Every structure is written in structure tokens, then in C-alpha cells.
PDB file of all heavy atoms in Angstrom:
ATOM      1  N   LEU A   1      -9.695  27.907  -2.892  1.00  0.00           N
ATOM      2  CA  LEU A   1     -10.885  28.234  -2.096  1.00  0.00           C
ATOM      3  C   LEU A   1     -11.470  29.578  -2.527  1.00  0.00           C
ATOM      4  O   LEU A   1     -12.683  29.730  -2.663  1.00  0.00           O
ATOM      5  CB  LEU A   1     -10.526  28.275  -0.604  1.00  0.00           C
ATOM      6  CG  LEU A   1     -10.375  26.926   0.098  1.00  0.00           C
ATOM      7  CD1 LEU A   1      -9.799  27.113   1.499  1.00  0.00           C
ATOM      8  CD2 LEU A   1     -11.723  26.213   0.163  1.00  0.00           C
ATOM      9  N   GLU A   2     -10.590  30.563  -2.753  1.00  0.00           N
ATOM     10  CA  GLU A   2     -11.048  31.884  -3.209  1.00  0.00           C
ATOM     11  C   GLU A   2     -11.683  31.799  -4.596  1.00  0.00           C
ATOM     12  O   GLU A   2     -12.551  32.596  -4.940  1.00  0.00           O
ATOM     13  CB  GLU A   2      -9.866  32.864  -3.235  1.00  0.00           C
ATOM     14  CG  GLU A   2      -9.336  33.228  -1.855  1.00  0.00           C
ATOM     15  CD  GLU A   2      -8.094  34.102  -1.924  1.00  0.00           C
ATOM     16  OE1 GLU A   2      -7.792  34.642  -3.011  1.00  0.00           O
ATOM     17  OE2 GLU A   2      -7.410  34.223  -0.884  1.00  0.00           O
ATOM     18  N   ASP A   3     -11.222  30.817  -5.394  1.00  0.00           N
ATOM     19  CA  ASP A   3     -11.711  30.662  -6.769  1.00  0.00           C
ATOM     20  C   ASP A   3     -12.925  29.735  -6.861  1.00  0.00           C
ATOM     21  O   ASP A   3     -13.366  29.410  -7.960  1.00  0.00           O
ATOM     22  CB  ASP A   3     -10.600  30.076  -7.665  1.00  0.00           C
ATOM     23  CG  ASP A   3      -9.439  31.044  -7.855  1.00  0.00           C
ATOM     24  OD1 ASP A   3      -9.630  32.242  -7.624  1.00  0.00           O
ATOM     25  OD2 ASP A   3      -8.342  30.583  -8.221  1.00  0.00           O
ATOM     26  N   SER A   4     -13.467  29.317  -5.713  1.00  0.00           N
ATOM     27  CA  SER A   4     -14.464  28.237  -5.708  1.00  0.00           C
ATOM     28  C   SER A   4     -15.705  28.533  -6.556  1.00  0.00           C
ATOM     29  O   SER A   4     -16.382  27.611  -7.002  1.00  0.00           O
ATOM     30  CB  SER A   4     -14.893  27.907  -4.275  1.00  0.00           C
ATOM     31  OG  SER A   4     -15.409  29.061  -3.639  1.00  0.00           O
ATOM     32  N   SER A   5     -15.964  29.813  -6.821  1.00  0.00           N
ATOM     33  CA  SER A   5     -17.156  30.148  -7.619  1.00  0.00           C
ATOM     34  C   SER A   5     -16.871  30.171  -9.124  1.00  0.00           C
ATOM     35  O   SER A   5     -17.782  30.347  -9.934  1.00  0.00           O
ATOM     36  CB  SER A   5     -17.701  31.513  -7.194  1.00  0.00           C
ATOM     37  OG  SER A   5     -16.723  32.523  -7.426  1.00  0.00           O
ATOM     38  N   LEU A   6     -15.606  29.987  -9.514  1.00  0.00           N
ATOM     39  CA  LEU A   6     -15.249  30.052 -10.932  1.00  0.00           C
ATOM     40  C   LEU A   6     -15.470  28.715 -11.629  1.00  0.00           C
ATOM     41  O   LEU A   6     -15.283  27.648 -11.031  1.00  0.00           O
ATOM     42  CB  LEU A   6     -13.778  30.465 -11.090  1.00  0.00           C
ATOM     43  CG  LEU A   6     -13.368  31.838 -10.522  1.00  0.00           C
ATOM     44  CD1 LEU A   6     -11.887  32.071 -10.738  1.00  0.00           C
ATOM     45  CD2 LEU A   6     -14.181  32.959 -11.168  1.00  0.00           C
ATOM     46  N   ASP A   7     -15.849  28.774 -12.898  1.00  0.00           N
ATOM     47  CA  ASP A   7     -16.047  27.555 -13.677  1.00  0.00           C
ATOM     48  C   ASP A   7     -14.732  26.808 -13.855  1.00  0.00           C
ATOM     49  O   ASP A   7     -13.716  27.410 -14.210  1.00  0.00           O
ATOM     50  CB  ASP A   7     -16.603  27.888 -15.080  1.00  0.00           C
ATOM     51  CG  ASP A   7     -18.070  28.270 -15.025  1.00  0.00           C
ATOM     52  OD1 ASP A   7     -18.710  27.949 -14.005  1.00  0.00           O
ATOM     53  OD2 ASP A   7     -18.569  28.882 -15.988  1.00  0.00           O
ATOM     54  N   GLY A   8     -14.754  25.511 -13.613  1.00  0.00           N
ATOM     55  CA  GLY A   8     -13.592  24.677 -13.908  1.00  0.00           C
ATOM     56  C   GLY A   8     -12.544  24.623 -12.829  1.00  0.00           C
ATOM     57  O   GLY A   8     -11.541  23.913 -12.974  1.00  0.00           O
ATOM     58  N   VAL A   9     -12.726  25.392 -11.731  1.00  0.00           N
ATOM     59  CA  VAL A   9     -11.711  25.400 -10.672  1.00  0.00           C
ATOM     60  C   VAL A   9     -11.519  23.987 -10.113  1.00  0.00           C
ATOM     61  O   VAL A   9     -12.469  23.220 -10.000  1.00  0.00           O
ATOM     62  CB  VAL A   9     -12.090  26.384  -9.545  1.00  0.00           C
ATOM     63  CG1 VAL A   9     -13.361  25.946  -8.847  1.00  0.00           C
ATOM     64  CG2 VAL A   9     -10.942  26.519  -8.540  1.00  0.00           C
ATOM     65  N   VAL A  10     -10.263  23.654  -9.780  1.00  0.00           N
ATOM     66  CA  VAL A  10      -9.953  22.342  -9.218  1.00  0.00           C
ATOM     67  C   VAL A  10      -9.578  22.530  -7.748  1.00  0.00           C
ATOM     68  O   VAL A  10      -8.534  23.105  -7.447  1.00  0.00           O
ATOM     69  CB  VAL A  10      -8.786  21.666  -9.966  1.00  0.00           C
ATOM     70  CG1 VAL A  10      -8.518  20.286  -9.381  1.00  0.00           C
ATOM     71  CG2 VAL A  10      -9.082  21.579 -11.457  1.00  0.00           C
ATOM     72  N   PRO A  11     -10.418  22.078  -6.809  1.00  0.00           N
ATOM     73  CA  PRO A  11     -10.067  22.205  -5.394  1.00  0.00           C
ATOM     74  C   PRO A  11      -8.898  21.285  -5.037  1.00  0.00           C
ATOM     75  O   PRO A  11      -8.684  20.263  -5.685  1.00  0.00           O
ATOM     76  CB  PRO A  11     -11.352  21.773  -4.665  1.00  0.00           C
ATOM     77  CG  PRO A  11     -12.098  20.938  -5.647  1.00  0.00           C
ATOM     78  CD  PRO A  11     -11.727  21.423  -7.017  1.00  0.00           C
ATOM     79  N   ILE A  12      -8.141  21.677  -4.012  1.00  0.00           N
ATOM     80  CA  ILE A  12      -6.995  20.874  -3.569  1.00  0.00           C
ATOM     81  C   ILE A  12      -7.288  20.375  -2.160  1.00  0.00           C
ATOM     82  O   ILE A  12      -7.277  21.154  -1.202  1.00  0.00           O
ATOM     83  CB  ILE A  12      -5.699  21.705  -3.592  1.00  0.00           C
ATOM     84  CG1 ILE A  12      -5.430  22.229  -5.015  1.00  0.00           C
ATOM     85  CG2 ILE A  12      -4.520  20.877  -3.092  1.00  0.00           C
ATOM     86  CD1 ILE A  12      -4.290  23.240  -5.098  1.00  0.00           C
ATOM     87  N   PRO A  13      -7.573  19.082  -2.001  1.00  0.00           N
ATOM     88  CA  PRO A  13      -7.939  18.556  -0.682  1.00  0.00           C
ATOM     89  C   PRO A  13      -6.752  18.531   0.275  1.00  0.00           C
ATOM     90  O   PRO A  13      -5.597  18.519  -0.150  1.00  0.00           O
ATOM     91  CB  PRO A  13      -8.421  17.133  -0.990  1.00  0.00           C
ATOM     92  CG  PRO A  13      -7.719  16.764  -2.261  1.00  0.00           C
ATOM     93  CD  PRO A  13      -7.559  18.033  -3.038  1.00  0.00           C
ATOM     94  N   LEU A  14      -7.042  18.533   1.561  1.00  0.00           N
ATOM     95  CA  LEU A  14      -6.009  18.334   2.576  1.00  0.00           C
ATOM     96  C   LEU A  14      -5.687  16.850   2.662  1.00  0.00           C
ATOM     97  O   LEU A  14      -6.543  16.007   2.374  1.00  0.00           O
ATOM     98  CB  LEU A  14      -6.511  18.827   3.935  1.00  0.00           C
ATOM     99  CG  LEU A  14      -6.610  20.345   4.126  1.00  0.00           C
ATOM    100  CD1 LEU A  14      -7.477  20.661   5.336  1.00  0.00           C
ATOM    101  CD2 LEU A  14      -5.226  20.964   4.306  1.00  0.00           C
ATOM    102  N   GLU A  15      -4.457  16.552   3.061  1.00  0.00           N
ATOM    103  CA  GLU A  15      -4.100  15.146   3.282  1.00  0.00           C
ATOM    104  C   GLU A  15      -4.631  14.730   4.656  1.00  0.00           C
ATOM    105  O   GLU A  15      -4.390  15.413   5.650  1.00  0.00           O
ATOM    106  CB  GLU A  15      -2.576  14.981   3.274  1.00  0.00           C
ATOM    107  CG  GLU A  15      -1.937  15.132   1.908  1.00  0.00           C
ATOM    108  CD  GLU A  15      -0.421  15.018   2.027  1.00  0.00           C
ATOM    109  OE1 GLU A  15       0.074  13.887   2.061  1.00  0.00           O
ATOM    110  OE2 GLU A  15       0.233  16.070   2.092  1.00  0.00           O
ATOM    111  N   SER A  16      -5.356  13.622   4.700  1.00  0.00           N
ATOM    112  CA  SER A  16      -5.898  13.171   5.987  1.00  0.00           C
ATOM    113  C   SER A  16      -5.130  11.974   6.532  1.00  0.00           C
ATOM    114  O   SER A  16      -5.327  11.559   7.655  1.00  0.00           O
ATOM    115  CB  SER A  16      -7.376  12.798   5.835  1.00  0.00           C
ATOM    116  OG  SER A  16      -7.520  11.790   4.848  1.00  0.00           O
ATOM    117  N   GLY A  17      -4.237  11.412   5.725  1.00  0.00           N
ATOM    118  CA  GLY A  17      -3.439  10.266   6.171  1.00  0.00           C
ATOM    119  C   GLY A  17      -2.116  10.268   5.438  1.00  0.00           C
ATOM    120  O   GLY A  17      -1.685  11.289   4.933  1.00  0.00           O
ATOM    121  N   SER A  18      -1.476   9.115   5.409  1.00  0.00           N
ATOM    122  CA  SER A  18      -0.168   9.053   4.758  1.00  0.00           C
ATOM    123  C   SER A  18      -0.112   7.998   3.661  1.00  0.00           C
ATOM    124  O   SER A  18       0.968   7.597   3.247  1.00  0.00           O
ATOM    125  CB  SER A  18       0.917   8.780   5.801  1.00  0.00           C
ATOM    126  OG  SER A  18       0.616   7.576   6.497  1.00  0.00           O
ATOM    127  N   GLY A  19      -1.285   7.550   3.212  1.00  0.00           N
ATOM    128  CA  GLY A  19      -1.307   6.518   2.178  1.00  0.00           C
ATOM    129  C   GLY A  19      -0.777   7.033   0.847  1.00  0.00           C
ATOM    130  O   GLY A  19      -0.996   8.191   0.477  1.00  0.00           O
ATOM    131  N   GLU A  20      -0.075   6.177   0.122  1.00  0.00           N
ATOM    132  CA  GLU A  20       0.504   6.550  -1.171  1.00  0.00           C
ATOM    133  C   GLU A  20      -0.575   6.957  -2.164  1.00  0.00           C
ATOM    134  O   GLU A  20      -0.414   7.912  -2.923  1.00  0.00           O
ATOM    135  CB  GLU A  20       1.291   5.352  -1.718  1.00  0.00           C
ATOM    136  CG  GLU A  20       2.202   5.677  -2.897  1.00  0.00           C
ATOM    137  CD  GLU A  20       3.344   6.609  -2.525  1.00  0.00           C
ATOM    138  OE1 GLU A  20       3.810   6.565  -1.376  1.00  0.00           O
ATOM    139  OE2 GLU A  20       3.762   7.390  -3.396  1.00  0.00           O
ATOM    140  N   GLU A  21      -1.693   6.238  -2.104  1.00  0.00           N
ATOM    141  CA  GLU A  21      -2.785   6.519  -3.038  1.00  0.00           C
ATOM    142  C   GLU A  21      -3.374   7.907  -2.805  1.00  0.00           C
ATOM    143  O   GLU A  21      -3.642   8.654  -3.737  1.00  0.00           O
ATOM    144  CB  GLU A  21      -3.881   5.451  -2.858  1.00  0.00           C
ATOM    145  CG  GLU A  21      -4.881   5.432  -4.007  1.00  0.00           C
ATOM    146  CD  GLU A  21      -5.863   4.274  -3.864  1.00  0.00           C
ATOM    147  OE1 GLU A  21      -5.423   3.134  -3.629  1.00  0.00           O
ATOM    148  OE2 GLU A  21      -7.067   4.542  -3.986  1.00  0.00           O
ATOM    149  N   GLU A  22      -3.533   8.257  -1.524  1.00  0.00           N
ATOM    150  CA  GLU A  22      -4.088   9.569  -1.198  1.00  0.00           C
ATOM    151  C   GLU A  22      -3.111  10.685  -1.595  1.00  0.00           C
ATOM    152  O   GLU A  22      -3.519  11.724  -2.111  1.00  0.00           O
ATOM    153  CB  GLU A  22      -4.406   9.681   0.292  1.00  0.00           C
ATOM    154  CG  GLU A  22      -5.146  10.987   0.590  1.00  0.00           C
ATOM    155  CD  GLU A  22      -5.213  11.305   2.070  1.00  0.00           C
ATOM    156  OE1 GLU A  22      -4.437  10.727   2.837  1.00  0.00           O
ATOM    157  OE2 GLU A  22      -6.018  12.154   2.423  1.00  0.00           O
ATOM    158  N   LEU A  23      -1.818  10.453  -1.350  1.00  0.00           N
ATOM    159  CA  LEU A  23      -0.813  11.445  -1.733  1.00  0.00           C
ATOM    160  C   LEU A  23      -0.878  11.715  -3.234  1.00  0.00           C
ATOM    161  O   LEU A  23      -0.841  12.875  -3.666  1.00  0.00           O
ATOM    162  CB  LEU A  23       0.583  10.950  -1.349  1.00  0.00           C
ATOM    163  CG  LEU A  23       1.760  11.845  -1.783  1.00  0.00           C
ATOM    164  CD1 LEU A  23       1.646  13.225  -1.152  1.00  0.00           C
ATOM    165  CD2 LEU A  23       3.086  11.195  -1.420  1.00  0.00           C
ATOM    166  N   GLU A  24      -0.999  10.662  -4.026  1.00  0.00           N
ATOM    167  CA  GLU A  24      -1.095  10.825  -5.480  1.00  0.00           C
ATOM    168  C   GLU A  24      -2.335  11.620  -5.866  1.00  0.00           C
ATOM    169  O   GLU A  24      -2.313  12.424  -6.797  1.00  0.00           O
ATOM    170  CB  GLU A  24      -1.121   9.451  -6.170  1.00  0.00           C
ATOM    171  CG  GLU A  24       0.257   8.812  -6.312  1.00  0.00           C
ATOM    172  CD  GLU A  24       1.214   9.665  -7.149  1.00  0.00           C
ATOM    173  OE1 GLU A  24       0.864  10.024  -8.296  1.00  0.00           O
ATOM    174  OE2 GLU A  24       2.305   9.991  -6.651  1.00  0.00           O
ATOM    175  N   ARG A  25      -3.426  11.395  -5.114  1.00  0.00           N
ATOM    176  CA  ARG A  25      -4.685  12.115  -5.395  1.00  0.00           C
ATOM    177  C   ARG A  25      -4.519  13.620  -5.145  1.00  0.00           C
ATOM    178  O   ARG A  25      -4.970  14.444  -5.932  1.00  0.00           O
ATOM    179  CB  ARG A  25      -5.795  11.541  -4.509  1.00  0.00           C
ATOM    180  CG  ARG A  25      -7.176  12.123  -4.761  1.00  0.00           C
ATOM    181  CD  ARG A  25      -8.236  11.323  -3.997  1.00  0.00           C
ATOM    182  NE  ARG A  25      -8.021  11.374  -2.548  1.00  0.00           N
ATOM    183  CZ  ARG A  25      -8.523  12.324  -1.768  1.00  0.00           C
ATOM    184  NH1 ARG A  25      -9.248  13.313  -2.286  1.00  0.00           N
ATOM    185  NH2 ARG A  25      -8.304  12.303  -0.465  1.00  0.00           N
ATOM    186  N   VAL A  26      -3.832  13.966  -4.037  1.00  0.00           N
ATOM    187  CA  VAL A  26      -3.612  15.382  -3.716  1.00  0.00           C
ATOM    188  C   VAL A  26      -2.668  16.020  -4.734  1.00  0.00           C
ATOM    189  O   VAL A  26      -2.909  17.132  -5.226  1.00  0.00           O
ATOM    190  CB  VAL A  26      -3.060  15.540  -2.282  1.00  0.00           C
ATOM    191  CG1 VAL A  26      -2.772  17.016  -1.989  1.00  0.00           C
ATOM    192  CG2 VAL A  26      -4.050  14.994  -1.263  1.00  0.00           C
ATOM    193  N   ILE A  27      -1.588  15.317  -5.061  1.00  0.00           N
ATOM    194  CA  ILE A  27      -0.636  15.844  -6.048  1.00  0.00           C
ATOM    195  C   ILE A  27      -1.339  16.065  -7.395  1.00  0.00           C
ATOM    196  O   ILE A  27      -1.139  17.103  -8.041  1.00  0.00           O
ATOM    197  CB  ILE A  27       0.577  14.897  -6.198  1.00  0.00           C
ATOM    198  CG1 ILE A  27       1.485  15.013  -4.967  1.00  0.00           C
ATOM    199  CG2 ILE A  27       1.373  15.215  -7.473  1.00  0.00           C
ATOM    200  CD1 ILE A  27       2.671  14.064  -4.957  1.00  0.00           C
ATOM    201  N   GLN A  28      -2.173  15.123  -7.801  1.00  0.00           N
ATOM    202  CA  GLN A  28      -2.887  15.273  -9.073  1.00  0.00           C
ATOM    203  C   GLN A  28      -3.814  16.484  -9.044  1.00  0.00           C
ATOM    204  O   GLN A  28      -3.959  17.198 -10.037  1.00  0.00           O
ATOM    205  CB  GLN A  28      -3.691  14.004  -9.402  1.00  0.00           C
ATOM    206  CG  GLN A  28      -4.302  14.006 -10.798  1.00  0.00           C
ATOM    207  CD  GLN A  28      -3.257  14.113 -11.896  1.00  0.00           C
ATOM    208  OE1 GLN A  28      -2.306  13.344 -11.932  1.00  0.00           O
ATOM    209  NE2 GLN A  28      -3.424  15.080 -12.804  1.00  0.00           N
ATOM    210  N   ALA A  29      -4.422  16.753  -7.883  1.00  0.00           N
ATOM    211  CA  ALA A  29      -5.289  17.934  -7.756  1.00  0.00           C
ATOM    212  C   ALA A  29      -4.483  19.218  -7.932  1.00  0.00           C
ATOM    213  O   ALA A  29      -4.932  20.175  -8.586  1.00  0.00           O
ATOM    214  CB  ALA A  29      -5.989  17.921  -6.397  1.00  0.00           C
ATOM    215  N   VAL A  30      -3.271  19.246  -7.345  1.00  0.00           N
ATOM    216  CA  VAL A  30      -2.397  20.425  -7.501  1.00  0.00           C
ATOM    217  C   VAL A  30      -2.028  20.597  -8.975  1.00  0.00           C
ATOM    218  O   VAL A  30      -2.099  21.709  -9.528  1.00  0.00           O
ATOM    219  CB  VAL A  30      -1.123  20.289  -6.640  1.00  0.00           C
ATOM    220  CG1 VAL A  30      -0.198  21.494  -6.881  1.00  0.00           C
ATOM    221  CG2 VAL A  30      -1.476  20.184  -5.165  1.00  0.00           C
ATOM    222  N   VAL A  31      -1.647  19.495  -9.621  1.00  0.00           N
ATOM    223  CA  VAL A  31      -1.289  19.532 -11.046  1.00  0.00           C
ATOM    224  C   VAL A  31      -2.446  20.082 -11.873  1.00  0.00           C
ATOM    225  O   VAL A  31      -2.274  20.986 -12.704  1.00  0.00           O
ATOM    226  CB  VAL A  31      -0.901  18.113 -11.549  1.00  0.00           C
ATOM    227  CG1 VAL A  31      -0.766  18.101 -13.071  1.00  0.00           C
ATOM    228  CG2 VAL A  31       0.397  17.653 -10.891  1.00  0.00           C
ATOM    229  N   ASP A  32      -3.643  19.553 -11.632  1.00  0.00           N
ATOM    230  CA  ASP A  32      -4.821  19.965 -12.408  1.00  0.00           C
ATOM    231  C   ASP A  32      -5.173  21.427 -12.141  1.00  0.00           C
ATOM    232  O   ASP A  32      -5.577  22.150 -13.054  1.00  0.00           O
ATOM    233  CB  ASP A  32      -6.021  19.069 -12.075  1.00  0.00           C
ATOM    234  CG  ASP A  32      -5.829  17.644 -12.570  1.00  0.00           C
ATOM    235  OD1 ASP A  32      -4.950  17.429 -13.426  1.00  0.00           O
ATOM    236  OD2 ASP A  32      -6.545  16.748 -12.088  1.00  0.00           O
TER     237      ASP A  32
END
């Protein structure tokens, strides 16, 4: 969030449910 103005920053979404697909999406955001 603090880096939001930087080029290429990857935001990390909050988990809104417990679906496996969503969990993978959040983990991939952290990785990126």
C-alpha cells in the first residue's frame, strides 16, 4: 500500500472467502 505509487508494484488483496482458487490468487500476489 505504501508502495502504491511505484512502477510495477504488486498489490496484495485481502482474502474475502475460503475458496482454494482465491487463496492461490492471494499467494501468487505475495510471490509476485
